[in-house]
């Protein structure tokens, strides 16, 4: 994982979630910082987003937040980050997050996290990037989604080998093991233009 200098974290902004998810967000932020990996994320201070960012900062890590103006104006931006970029739209936010990251980790989250997850998976399927993606299936949270993807493949709506697109880890230690074991993390390819 030495070639990874930054990892994008997609996760929920809700604080009304089980402690197991909060603990996972903390462990991920802390683990990234302790490995010298910059965390790139949506720039919020609430929910799993804030927990992961705070843990990375507390462990001495760099954290880059990218937040759209309309969310920043609702006063949910994190003000203690290494960098905070306020952008004009969700599209700009997502593009910048991709450009600034060497890999992606998908923690539990809601519709926004699903949007980000499917976009980054689709872009990889379309060969717009070839960066590692790890789905953190903490407490089986993503199991229904993974089943749906298998169902799409079985029904002929997706001709993909899911293992070529992403890895799944059921705990945060497994996320780091998956990133270390992914060949894309060591041999990046030249991506097509997004």
Protein backbone atom coordinates (compact mmCIF):
# COMPACT_ATOMS: atom_id res chain seq x y z
CA UNK A 1 0.00 0.00 0.00
CA UNK A 2 3.07 2.26 -0.12
CA UNK A 3 1.96 3.70 -3.46
CA UNK A 4 -1.31 4.96 -1.96
CA UNK A 5 -0.90 8.52 -0.76
CA UNK A 6 -4.60 9.36 -0.50
CA UNK A 7 -7.84 7.45 -0.04
CA UNK A 8 -11.31 8.79 -0.66
CA UNK A 9 -13.85 7.83 2.01
CA UNK A 10 -17.54 7.75 1.13
CA UNK A 11 -19.82 7.50 4.17
CA UNK A 12 -22.96 8.75 5.85
CA UNK A 13 -23.58 12.13 7.44
CA UNK A 14 -26.10 10.80 9.96
CA UNK A 15 -25.27 10.51 13.65
CA UNK A 16 -28.37 8.41 14.39
CA UNK A 17 -26.64 5.14 13.58
CA UNK A 18 -25.40 2.12 15.51
CA UNK A 19 -22.18 2.45 17.49
CA UNK A 20 -20.55 -0.29 15.39
CA UNK A 21 -20.64 2.07 12.38
CA UNK A 22 -19.25 4.99 14.38
CA UNK A 23 -16.44 2.78 15.66
CA UNK A 24 -15.64 1.66 12.11
CA UNK A 25 -15.46 5.28 10.89
CA UNK A 26 -13.12 6.14 13.75
CA UNK A 27 -10.92 3.10 13.07
CA UNK A 28 -10.70 3.94 9.36
CA UNK A 29 -9.73 7.58 9.92
CA UNK A 30 -7.21 6.60 12.58
CA UNK A 31 -5.79 3.79 10.44
CA UNK A 32 -5.33 6.01 7.39
CA UNK A 33 -3.47 8.62 9.42
CA UNK A 34 -1.23 6.07 11.13
CA UNK A 35 -0.27 4.70 7.71
CA UNK A 36 0.55 8.17 6.40
CA UNK A 37 -2.37 8.15 3.96
CA UNK A 38 -4.26 11.38 3.34
CA UNK A 39 -8.04 11.12 3.74
CA UNK A 40 -10.20 12.77 1.08
CA UNK A 41 -13.90 13.08 1.82
CA UNK A 42 -16.98 15.28 1.54
CA UNK A 43 -15.90 17.91 4.04
CA UNK A 44 -18.67 17.49 6.63
CA UNK A 45 -18.34 17.56 10.40
CA UNK A 46 -21.39 15.41 11.17
CA UNK A 47 -22.08 11.68 11.21
CA UNK A 48 -19.54 9.11 10.09
CA UNK A 49 -17.91 11.79 7.94
CA UNK A 50 -17.03 13.89 10.96
CA UNK A 51 -15.99 10.91 13.06
CA UNK A 52 -13.56 9.61 10.42
CA UNK A 53 -12.11 13.09 9.81
CA UNK A 54 -11.70 13.79 13.54
CA UNK A 55 -9.98 10.44 14.09
CA UNK A 56 -7.54 11.06 11.25
CA UNK A 57 -6.73 14.56 12.53
CA UNK A 58 -6.29 13.30 16.10
CA UNK A 59 -3.79 10.72 14.83
CA UNK A 60 -1.79 13.43 13.03
CA UNK A 61 -3.09 12.74 9.54
CA UNK A 62 -3.93 15.01 6.64
CA UNK A 63 -7.61 15.40 5.77
CA UNK A 64 -8.92 17.09 2.63
CA UNK A 65 -12.60 18.03 2.53
CA UNK A 66 -14.52 19.01 -0.58
CA UNK A 67 -17.95 20.49 0.08
CA UNK A 68 -20.51 22.20 -2.17
CA UNK A 69 -21.58 25.75 -1.30
CA UNK A 70 -25.18 24.75 -0.62
CA UNK A 71 -24.07 22.25 2.06
CA UNK A 72 -21.45 24.59 3.48
CA UNK A 73 -24.09 27.32 3.87
CA UNK A 74 -26.07 24.95 6.11
CA UNK A 75 -23.07 25.17 8.49
CA UNK A 76 -22.07 21.53 8.38
CA UNK A 77 -18.53 21.95 7.04
CA UNK A 78 -15.60 20.78 9.12
CA UNK A 79 -13.42 23.76 10.00
CA UNK A 80 -10.40 21.87 11.35
CA UNK A 81 -9.19 20.15 8.19
CA UNK A 82 -5.82 20.31 6.46
CA UNK A 83 -7.65 21.63 3.39
CA UNK A 84 -11.30 22.52 2.81
CA UNK A 85 -12.42 23.23 -0.75
CA UNK A 86 -15.81 24.89 -1.21
CA UNK A 87 -17.10 24.11 -4.70
CA UNK A 88 -20.06 25.10 -6.85
CA UNK A 89 -21.83 21.74 -7.19
CA UNK A 90 -22.07 18.10 -6.23
CA UNK A 91 -20.63 17.20 -9.64
CA UNK A 92 -17.53 19.31 -9.03
CA UNK A 93 -17.18 17.82 -5.55
CA UNK A 94 -17.31 14.24 -6.82
CA UNK A 95 -14.89 14.91 -9.68
CA UNK A 96 -12.36 16.55 -7.34
CA UNK A 97 -12.64 13.70 -4.86
CA UNK A 98 -11.82 11.21 -7.63
CA UNK A 99 -8.93 13.27 -8.99
CA UNK A 100 -7.33 13.65 -5.55
CA UNK A 101 -7.59 9.98 -4.55
CA UNK A 102 -5.61 6.82 -5.25
CA UNK A 103 -8.31 4.46 -3.90
CA UNK A 104 -11.83 4.49 -2.48
CA UNK A 105 -13.40 3.05 0.67
CA UNK A 106 -17.17 2.88 0.98
CA UNK A 107 -18.39 2.88 4.59
CA UNK A 108 -22.09 2.56 5.49
CA UNK A 109 -24.19 5.52 4.46
CA UNK A 110 -27.44 6.65 2.87
CA UNK A 111 -28.55 7.78 -0.58
CA UNK A 112 -25.60 10.14 -1.05
CA UNK A 113 -23.16 7.36 -0.27
CA UNK A 114 -25.00 5.04 -2.68
CA UNK A 115 -24.78 7.73 -5.37
CA UNK A 116 -21.03 8.09 -4.88
CA UNK A 117 -20.50 4.33 -4.67
CA UNK A 118 -22.38 3.53 -7.85
CA UNK A 119 -20.74 6.35 -9.75
CA UNK A 120 -17.21 5.28 -8.82
CA UNK A 121 -18.04 1.62 -9.57
CA UNK A 122 -19.61 2.56 -12.92
CA UNK A 123 -16.64 4.71 -13.86
CA UNK A 124 -14.33 1.80 -13.11
CA UNK A 125 -16.50 -0.56 -15.18
CA UNK A 126 -16.29 1.96 -18.05
CA UNK A 127 -12.49 2.14 -17.60
CA UNK A 128 -12.56 5.81 -16.69
CA UNK A 129 -10.27 4.91 -13.79
CA UNK A 130 -8.56 1.80 -12.46
CA UNK A 131 -8.23 2.64 -8.78
CA UNK A 132 -8.92 0.18 -5.95
CA UNK A 133 -12.39 0.22 -4.40
CA UNK A 134 -13.16 -1.47 -1.08
CA UNK A 135 -16.68 -1.81 0.29
CA UNK A 136 -16.60 -1.88 4.10
CA UNK A 137 -19.51 -4.21 4.84
CA UNK A 138 -19.53 -3.38 8.55
CA UNK A 139 -22.05 -5.52 10.44
CA UNK A 140 -23.44 -6.76 7.11
CA UNK A 141 -24.70 -3.28 6.19
CA UNK A 142 -24.02 -3.62 2.45
CA UNK A 143 -25.10 -7.28 2.16
CA UNK A 144 -28.44 -6.41 0.46
CA UNK A 145 -26.63 -4.18 -2.05
CA UNK A 146 -24.06 -6.87 -2.81
CA UNK A 147 -26.91 -9.32 -3.31
CA UNK A 148 -28.57 -6.89 -5.71
CA UNK A 149 -25.38 -6.61 -7.75
CA UNK A 150 -25.18 -10.42 -7.93
CA UNK A 151 -28.84 -10.46 -9.01
CA UNK A 152 -28.17 -7.92 -11.79
CA UNK A 153 -25.34 -10.09 -13.07
CA UNK A 154 -27.44 -13.27 -12.86
CA UNK A 155 -30.30 -11.60 -14.75
CA UNK A 156 -27.98 -10.40 -17.53
CA UNK A 157 -28.27 -6.68 -16.80
CA UNK A 158 -24.62 -6.39 -15.84
CA UNK A 159 -21.79 -8.27 -17.49
CA UNK A 160 -19.20 -7.75 -14.83
CA UNK A 161 -17.05 -9.73 -12.52
CA UNK A 162 -17.68 -7.93 -9.24
CA UNK A 163 -14.28 -9.02 -7.91
CA UNK A 164 -12.66 -7.10 -10.76
CA UNK A 165 -14.43 -3.91 -9.67
CA UNK A 166 -14.19 -4.04 -5.90
CA UNK A 167 -13.29 -5.99 -2.79
CA UNK A 168 -15.44 -6.43 0.29
CA UNK A 169 -14.21 -6.32 3.88
CA UNK A 170 -16.39 -6.91 6.92
CA UNK A 171 -14.11 -5.01 9.29
CA UNK A 172 -11.68 -2.12 9.02
CA UNK A 173 -8.55 -4.25 9.37
CA UNK A 174 -9.83 -6.11 6.32
CA UNK A 175 -10.15 -2.84 4.41
CA UNK A 176 -6.43 -2.19 4.79
CA UNK A 177 -5.61 -5.82 3.92
CA UNK A 178 -7.76 -5.53 0.77
CA UNK A 179 -6.05 -2.29 -0.27
CA UNK A 180 -2.63 -3.84 0.26
CA UNK A 181 -3.57 -6.90 -1.77
CA UNK A 182 -5.03 -5.11 -4.77
CA UNK A 183 -2.69 -4.99 -7.76
CA UNK A 184 -4.18 -1.67 -8.88
CA UNK A 185 -2.68 -0.11 -5.77
CA UNK A 186 0.80 -1.00 -6.98
CA UNK A 187 0.43 -0.69 -10.75
CA UNK A 188 -1.78 2.28 -11.63
CA UNK A 189 -2.96 2.57 -15.23
CA UNK A 190 -3.47 5.68 -17.30
CA UNK A 191 -7.17 6.49 -16.88
CA UNK A 192 -9.38 7.84 -19.64
CA UNK A 193 -10.73 11.34 -19.24
CA UNK A 194 -13.67 11.56 -16.80
